[in-house]
Amino acid sequence: MNGKYTVKIKDRRVRYNFELVRNITVVQGDSGTGKTTLFDMVSAFTRLKERSGVQIVCDRPCVALHAELDWQTRLAGIHDSIVFIDEDAEYIGTHEFALSIRHTDNYYVIFCRDSLHQLPYSVEEIYEIKTSNKLHTFRKIYRRQKDYLYANAAGKTKPSVLLTEDSHSGYQFYRHYYDGTSVSCVAAGSNSDIFSWLKEHHDEKVFVIADGAAFGSEMNRVMGLQHQFPDKITICLPESFEWLILQSGLLDIAGLNEMLNDPSSYIDSQRYFSWENYFEEYLIQHTFGTYYAYSKSQIHSFYTIRENSGKIIALIAANMPEA
């Protein structure tokens, strides 16, 4: 599946209207916020169709997957659909579940209270349910500020450390950009290691830059740490480093702007578990055979030339360490 889907679900008591943009949507919230009601409505429609009293309007089938022992068998029979899973399904936090949905042609709406560390979901697709009379809608929990900031450290002092997820091309790019300055570039190791690094270095002023397309599971605890040390941590989450390059205007690729304006129409959920995977492959394919061919393992000097690196940095310039 690919594309955006508007979903309208109602019965005589309540209505739910929302839009799904990616393959994984996470809906959080305490008891009584409407998560279970929505799941129960989809579940009733899955079993009884029109006899349930529930109406569902969507371009794709909407089905419920329960907390059943044979959930994998049931899931294997669901295709090209929007699958709703309630928080009482303990398997949603397992490695087996992540593997089971990785190459499926479905979209997933997962209700939960805790972060799902096995899944690469976007910070942009974490919601709570907003209620206005009988109408329920999805509202983003984490709202992006200017230059892809999700949390901005207070105070006038610029960060002295730039922290990335790993030591691949993105880290190499920033290390080259800050070479010869007082700014230290550090690679945590993975997105799940960022929290541990920040916790151990809470006395330093840090600019965190990570791939927002797959950082959703880390967002709650990293933001919690930022709230604990509000004058120390700035969190910047563009889709990915490859996405920054594509957005920068450095590359003349036919159809690039159209793709960037509507990525969901191009990204097949069966092939790409996360949007960051798509942007990486897109950049590699469209620079292959050129003198500036992109590699994840080693940044090409084309991207680190000051004139070019400046265009990339400009997309996330606010509150970055000064070079």
Protein backbone atom coordinates (compact mmCIF):
# COMPACT_ATOMS: atom_id res chain seq x y z
CA MET A 1 0.00 0.00 0.00
CA ASN A 2 0.98 3.59 -0.46
CA GLY A 3 -0.72 6.96 -0.31
CA LYS A 4 -2.89 8.81 2.17
CA TYR A 5 -6.19 7.41 3.43
CA THR A 6 -9.07 9.26 5.03
CA VAL A 7 -10.97 7.06 7.47
CA LYS A 8 -14.48 7.82 8.70
CA ILE A 9 -16.03 5.51 11.28
CA LYS A 10 -19.32 6.06 13.06
CA ASP A 11 -22.28 4.53 14.82
CA ARG A 12 -25.26 6.11 16.52
CA ARG A 13 -23.15 7.39 19.41
CA VAL A 14 -19.82 8.64 18.08
CA ARG A 15 -17.85 9.52 14.95
CA TYR A 16 -14.13 9.18 14.21
CA ASN A 17 -12.50 11.07 11.34
CA PHE A 18 -8.75 10.87 10.68
CA GLU A 19 -6.13 10.56 7.97
CA LEU A 20 -3.37 7.96 7.72
CA VAL A 21 -0.16 8.91 5.93
CA ARG A 22 2.33 6.12 6.69
CA ASN A 23 2.34 2.40 7.26
CA ILE A 24 2.52 2.72 11.06
CA THR A 25 0.35 5.07 13.09
CA VAL A 26 0.57 4.96 16.89
CA VAL A 27 -2.30 6.26 19.02
CA GLN A 28 -1.52 6.85 22.69
CA GLY A 29 -3.55 8.03 25.65
CA ASP A 30 -4.95 7.01 29.01
CA SER A 31 -8.09 4.98 29.60
CA GLY A 32 -11.29 6.76 28.68
CA THR A 33 -9.84 8.74 25.78
CA GLY A 34 -11.63 6.76 23.08
CA LYS A 35 -9.00 4.27 21.91
CA THR A 36 -10.87 1.15 22.97
CA THR A 37 -14.17 2.48 21.63
CA LEU A 38 -12.64 2.97 18.20
CA PHE A 39 -11.05 -0.47 18.21
CA ASP A 40 -14.30 -2.10 19.34
CA MET A 41 -16.18 -0.40 16.50
CA VAL A 42 -13.71 -1.71 13.93
CA SER A 43 -13.82 -5.12 15.59
CA ALA A 44 -17.61 -5.24 15.45
CA PHE A 45 -17.57 -4.26 11.78
CA THR A 46 -14.90 -6.88 11.06
CA ARG A 47 -17.18 -9.61 12.46
CA LEU A 48 -20.64 -8.42 11.54
CA LYS A 49 -20.21 -5.87 8.73
CA GLU A 50 -23.36 -3.71 8.32
CA ARG A 51 -25.24 -5.71 10.99
CA SER A 52 -22.86 -4.21 13.58
CA GLY A 53 -24.46 -0.78 13.26
CA VAL A 54 -21.01 0.62 12.44
CA GLN A 55 -20.33 2.46 9.21
CA ILE A 56 -16.80 2.70 7.82
CA VAL A 57 -15.91 4.87 4.85
CA CYS A 58 -12.41 4.32 3.49
CA ASP A 59 -10.74 3.39 0.21
CA ARG A 60 -9.23 0.33 1.90
CA PRO A 61 -10.77 -2.36 4.13
CA CYS A 62 -10.46 -1.65 7.85
CA VAL A 63 -10.04 -4.75 10.02
CA ALA A 64 -9.30 -5.52 13.66
CA LEU A 65 -6.53 -7.87 14.78
CA HIS A 66 -7.14 -9.19 18.28
CA ALA A 67 -4.94 -10.40 21.11
CA GLU A 68 -5.27 -14.00 19.97
CA LEU A 69 -2.75 -16.82 20.12
CA ASP A 70 -2.87 -17.39 16.37
CA TRP A 71 -2.49 -13.71 15.48
CA GLN A 72 0.29 -14.49 13.00
CA THR A 73 -1.94 -16.86 11.03
CA ARG A 74 -4.72 -14.28 11.03
CA LEU A 75 -2.33 -11.51 9.96
CA ALA A 76 -0.97 -13.63 7.10
CA GLY A 77 -4.46 -13.61 5.58
CA ILE A 78 -4.88 -9.82 5.65
CA HIS A 79 -3.77 -7.87 2.58
CA ASP A 80 -4.05 -4.32 1.27
CA SER A 81 -5.94 -3.25 4.38
CA ILE A 82 -5.78 -0.94 7.38
CA VAL A 83 -5.23 -3.11 10.45
CA PHE A 84 -6.25 -1.85 13.90
CA ILE A 85 -4.61 -3.44 16.96
CA ASP A 86 -5.57 -2.69 20.56
CA GLU A 87 -3.13 -2.23 23.43
CA ASP A 88 -4.12 -5.49 25.13
CA ALA A 89 -2.36 -7.39 22.33
CA GLU A 90 0.95 -7.95 24.12
CA TYR A 91 2.63 -9.11 20.93
CA ILE A 92 2.78 -5.56 19.52
CA GLY A 93 5.95 -4.94 21.54
CA THR A 94 7.75 -8.08 20.37
CA HIS A 95 10.44 -8.67 17.79
CA GLU A 96 8.20 -11.33 16.22
CA PHE A 97 5.48 -8.76 15.53
CA ALA A 98 7.95 -6.36 13.92
CA LEU A 99 9.21 -9.12 11.64
CA SER A 100 5.66 -10.22 10.81
CA ILE A 101 4.51 -6.81 9.57
CA ARG A 102 7.78 -5.72 7.96
CA HIS A 103 6.99 -6.81 4.39
CA THR A 104 3.20 -6.76 4.47
CA ASP A 105 1.07 -4.62 2.16
CA ASN A 106 -1.02 -3.16 5.00
CA TYR A 107 -1.13 0.01 7.06
CA TYR A 108 -1.30 -0.39 10.85
CA VAL A 109 -3.05 1.68 13.52
CA ILE A 110 -1.70 0.57 16.90
CA PHE A 111 -3.23 1.69 20.19
CA CYS A 112 -0.78 1.68 23.09
CA ARG A 113 0.39 3.56 26.16
CA ASP A 114 4.05 2.64 26.04
CA SER A 115 6.65 3.13 23.33
CA LEU A 116 7.12 0.28 20.85
CA HIS A 117 10.88 -0.01 20.58
CA GLN A 118 10.81 -2.81 18.00
CA LEU A 119 9.05 -0.64 15.41
CA PRO A 120 10.54 2.19 13.30
CA TYR A 121 7.65 4.64 13.41
CA SER A 122 7.80 8.37 12.79
CA VAL A 123 7.57 11.14 15.38
CA GLU A 124 5.01 12.65 13.01
CA GLU A 125 2.66 9.69 13.37
CA ILE A 126 2.16 9.58 17.14
CA TYR A 127 -1.30 10.78 18.08
CA GLU A 128 -3.80 11.20 20.85
CA ILE A 129 -7.56 11.31 20.37
CA LYS A 130 -9.19 14.72 20.50
CA THR A 131 -12.90 14.82 21.30
CA SER A 132 -15.43 17.49 20.40
CA ASN A 133 -18.96 16.37 21.29
CA LYS A 134 -19.54 13.21 19.23
CA LEU A 135 -16.62 13.80 16.89
CA HIS A 136 -13.24 12.21 17.60
CA THR A 137 -10.12 13.08 15.62
CA PHE A 138 -6.40 12.33 15.83
CA ARG A 139 -4.07 15.07 17.11
CA LYS A 140 -0.28 14.92 16.93
CA ILE A 141 1.36 14.59 20.33
CA TYR A 142 4.70 16.01 19.18
CA ARG A 143 4.45 19.16 17.12
CA ARG A 144 7.30 20.25 14.95
CA GLN A 145 8.70 23.75 15.28
CA LYS A 146 10.77 25.71 12.79
CA ASP A 147 13.73 23.89 11.23
CA TYR A 148 12.47 20.49 12.43
CA LEU A 149 12.96 21.25 16.09
CA TYR A 150 10.81 19.30 18.54
CA ALA A 151 12.39 20.71 21.68
CA ASN A 152 14.43 23.86 21.90
CA ALA A 153 16.88 24.37 24.77
CA ALA A 154 16.38 27.57 26.69
CA GLY A 155 19.14 30.09 27.09
CA LYS A 156 21.44 31.95 24.75
CA THR A 157 24.39 29.58 24.88
CA LYS A 158 24.75 27.52 21.72
CA PRO A 159 25.33 23.75 22.06
CA SER A 160 28.94 22.56 22.27
CA VAL A 161 28.13 18.96 21.28
CA LEU A 162 26.32 17.66 18.21
CA LEU A 163 24.99 14.14 18.79
CA THR A 164 24.00 11.80 15.94
CA GLU A 165 22.61 8.27 15.92
CA ASP A 166 25.51 6.42 14.31
CA SER A 167 28.89 6.99 12.67
CA HIS A 168 27.76 6.71 9.06
CA SER A 169 27.56 9.45 6.41
CA GLY A 170 25.52 11.88 8.48
CA TYR A 171 27.97 11.86 11.34
CA GLN A 172 30.87 12.18 8.90
CA PHE A 173 29.18 15.18 7.27
CA TYR A 174 28.70 17.04 10.56
CA ARG A 175 32.18 16.15 11.81
CA HIS A 176 33.67 17.66 8.64
CA TYR A 177 31.42 20.71 8.92
CA TYR A 178 32.59 21.41 12.48
CA ASP A 179 36.22 20.46 11.93
CA GLY A 180 38.50 23.04 13.50
CA THR A 181 35.81 24.47 15.77
CA SER A 182 35.08 23.98 19.46
CA VAL A 183 32.07 21.80 18.64
CA SER A 184 32.43 18.08 19.32
CA CYS A 185 30.56 15.64 17.06
CA VAL A 186 29.60 12.40 18.77
CA ALA A 187 27.85 9.26 17.49
CA ALA A 188 25.67 7.54 20.09
CA GLY A 189 25.66 4.23 18.21
CA SER A 190 21.94 3.95 17.36
CA ASN A 191 18.75 5.89 17.95
CA SER A 192 18.06 3.78 21.04
CA ASP A 193 21.47 4.77 22.46
CA ILE A 194 20.78 8.50 22.28
CA PHE A 195 18.80 8.47 25.52
CA SER A 196 21.57 6.67 27.41
CA TRP A 197 24.20 9.06 26.09
CA LEU A 198 22.18 12.12 27.07
CA LYS A 199 21.49 10.73 30.51
CA GLU A 200 25.20 10.20 31.12
CA HIS A 201 26.15 13.66 29.78
CA HIS A 202 23.31 15.80 31.13
CA ASP A 203 25.78 18.48 32.17
CA GLU A 204 26.67 19.25 28.53
CA LYS A 205 24.73 21.43 26.13
CA VAL A 206 23.78 19.12 23.26
CA PHE A 207 22.17 19.43 19.84
CA VAL A 208 20.58 16.07 18.98
CA ILE A 209 19.96 15.34 15.32
CA ALA A 210 18.36 12.03 14.39
CA ASP A 211 16.11 10.48 11.74
CA GLY A 212 12.60 11.54 12.66
CA ALA A 213 11.14 8.94 10.30
CA ALA A 214 12.11 6.18 12.73
CA PHE A 215 12.55 7.98 16.07
CA GLY A 216 9.01 7.65 17.37
CA SER A 217 9.74 4.91 19.89
CA GLU A 218 12.47 7.02 21.52
CA MET A 219 10.54 10.25 21.62
CA ASN A 220 8.78 9.89 24.96
CA ARG A 221 11.87 9.24 27.06
CA VAL A 222 14.15 11.65 25.19
CA MET A 223 11.58 14.44 25.49
CA GLY A 224 11.17 13.56 29.15
CA LEU A 225 14.90 14.03 29.63
CA GLN A 226 14.78 17.33 27.75
CA HIS A 227 12.04 18.55 30.08
CA GLN A 228 14.23 17.55 33.01
CA PHE A 229 17.18 19.53 31.60
CA PRO A 230 15.47 22.18 29.45
CA ASP A 231 18.53 24.40 29.13
CA LYS A 232 20.77 21.58 27.89
CA ILE A 233 19.10 19.57 25.12
CA THR A 234 17.87 20.66 21.69
CA ILE A 235 16.16 17.97 19.61
CA CYS A 236 16.12 18.23 15.81
CA LEU A 237 14.43 15.49 13.80
CA PRO A 238 14.31 15.85 10.02
CA GLU A 239 13.07 12.75 8.18
CA SER A 240 16.64 11.54 7.63
CA PHE A 241 20.06 12.78 6.53
CA GLU A 242 19.38 11.60 2.97
CA TRP A 243 16.12 13.53 3.01
CA LEU A 244 18.02 16.68 3.98
CA ILE A 245 20.29 16.26 0.97
CA LEU A 246 17.30 15.75 -1.33
CA GLN A 247 15.57 18.83 0.14
CA SER A 248 18.67 21.04 -0.10
CA GLY A 249 18.45 21.74 -3.84
CA LEU A 250 21.92 20.34 -4.50
CA LEU A 251 20.70 17.69 -6.91
CA ASP A 252 18.87 18.14 -10.21
CA ILE A 253 16.67 15.04 -10.37
CA ALA A 254 13.59 14.82 -12.55
CA GLY A 255 10.46 14.45 -10.43
CA LEU A 256 12.27 15.10 -7.14
CA ASN A 257 10.08 17.99 -6.03
CA GLU A 258 6.91 16.05 -6.77
CA MET A 259 8.15 13.16 -4.63
CA LEU A 260 9.20 15.42 -1.75
CA ASN A 261 5.84 17.17 -1.79
CA ASP A 262 3.96 13.88 -1.45
CA PRO A 263 6.25 11.04 -0.31
CA SER A 264 3.39 8.77 0.77
CA SER A 265 2.29 8.37 -2.85
CA TYR A 266 5.70 6.93 -3.75
CA ILE A 267 6.59 4.82 -0.70
CA ASP A 268 5.32 1.24 -0.84
CA SER A 269 4.71 -0.07 2.67
CA GLN A 270 5.51 -3.62 1.61
CA ARG A 271 8.97 -2.63 0.42
CA TYR A 272 9.93 0.11 2.87
CA PHE A 273 9.37 -0.40 6.59
CA SER A 274 10.28 3.24 7.26
CA TRP A 275 10.47 6.34 5.07
CA GLU A 276 14.17 6.72 5.89
CA ASN A 277 14.80 3.47 3.98
CA TYR A 278 13.11 4.93 0.91
CA PHE A 279 15.00 8.24 0.97
CA GLU A 280 18.31 6.42 1.33
CA GLU A 281 17.61 4.11 -1.62
CA TYR A 282 16.25 6.99 -3.71
CA LEU A 283 19.41 9.06 -3.17
CA ILE A 284 21.71 6.14 -3.90
CA GLN A 285 19.87 5.18 -7.08
CA HIS A 286 19.65 8.71 -8.47
CA THR A 287 23.33 9.50 -7.90
CA PHE A 288 24.69 6.12 -9.00
CA GLY A 289 27.28 6.49 -11.71
CA THR A 290 27.86 10.19 -11.04
CA TYR A 291 31.00 11.69 -9.55
CA TYR A 292 28.95 12.56 -6.44
CA ALA A 293 27.50 9.04 -5.93
CA TYR A 294 26.06 8.78 -2.44
CA SER A 295 27.13 6.08 -0.01
CA LYS A 296 25.75 5.48 3.46
CA SER A 297 29.07 4.18 4.72
CA GLN A 298 31.30 7.00 3.47
CA ILE A 299 30.29 10.59 2.71
CA HIS A 300 31.48 11.91 -0.66
CA SER A 301 33.51 15.13 -0.62
CA PHE A 302 30.91 16.72 -2.93
CA TYR A 303 28.54 17.01 0.03
CA THR A 304 31.15 18.45 2.40
CA ILE A 305 32.30 21.32 0.16
CA ARG A 306 31.40 24.42 2.16
CA GLU A 307 29.08 25.82 -0.51
CA ASN A 308 27.16 22.54 -0.65
CA SER A 309 27.20 21.67 3.04
CA GLY A 310 25.87 25.15 3.79
CA LYS A 311 22.75 24.42 1.74
CA ILE A 312 22.11 21.27 3.72
CA ILE A 313 22.76 22.93 7.07
CA ALA A 314 20.45 25.82 6.16
CA LEU A 315 17.44 23.49 6.47
CA ILE A 316 18.14 22.93 10.18
CA ALA A 317 20.12 26.03 11.07
CA ALA A 318 18.11 27.32 14.03
CA ASN A 319 19.95 26.83 17.31
CA MET A 320 22.64 24.62 15.81
CA PRO A 321 26.15 24.95 17.18
CA GLU A 322 28.05 27.77 15.54
CA ALA A 323 30.74 26.62 13.12
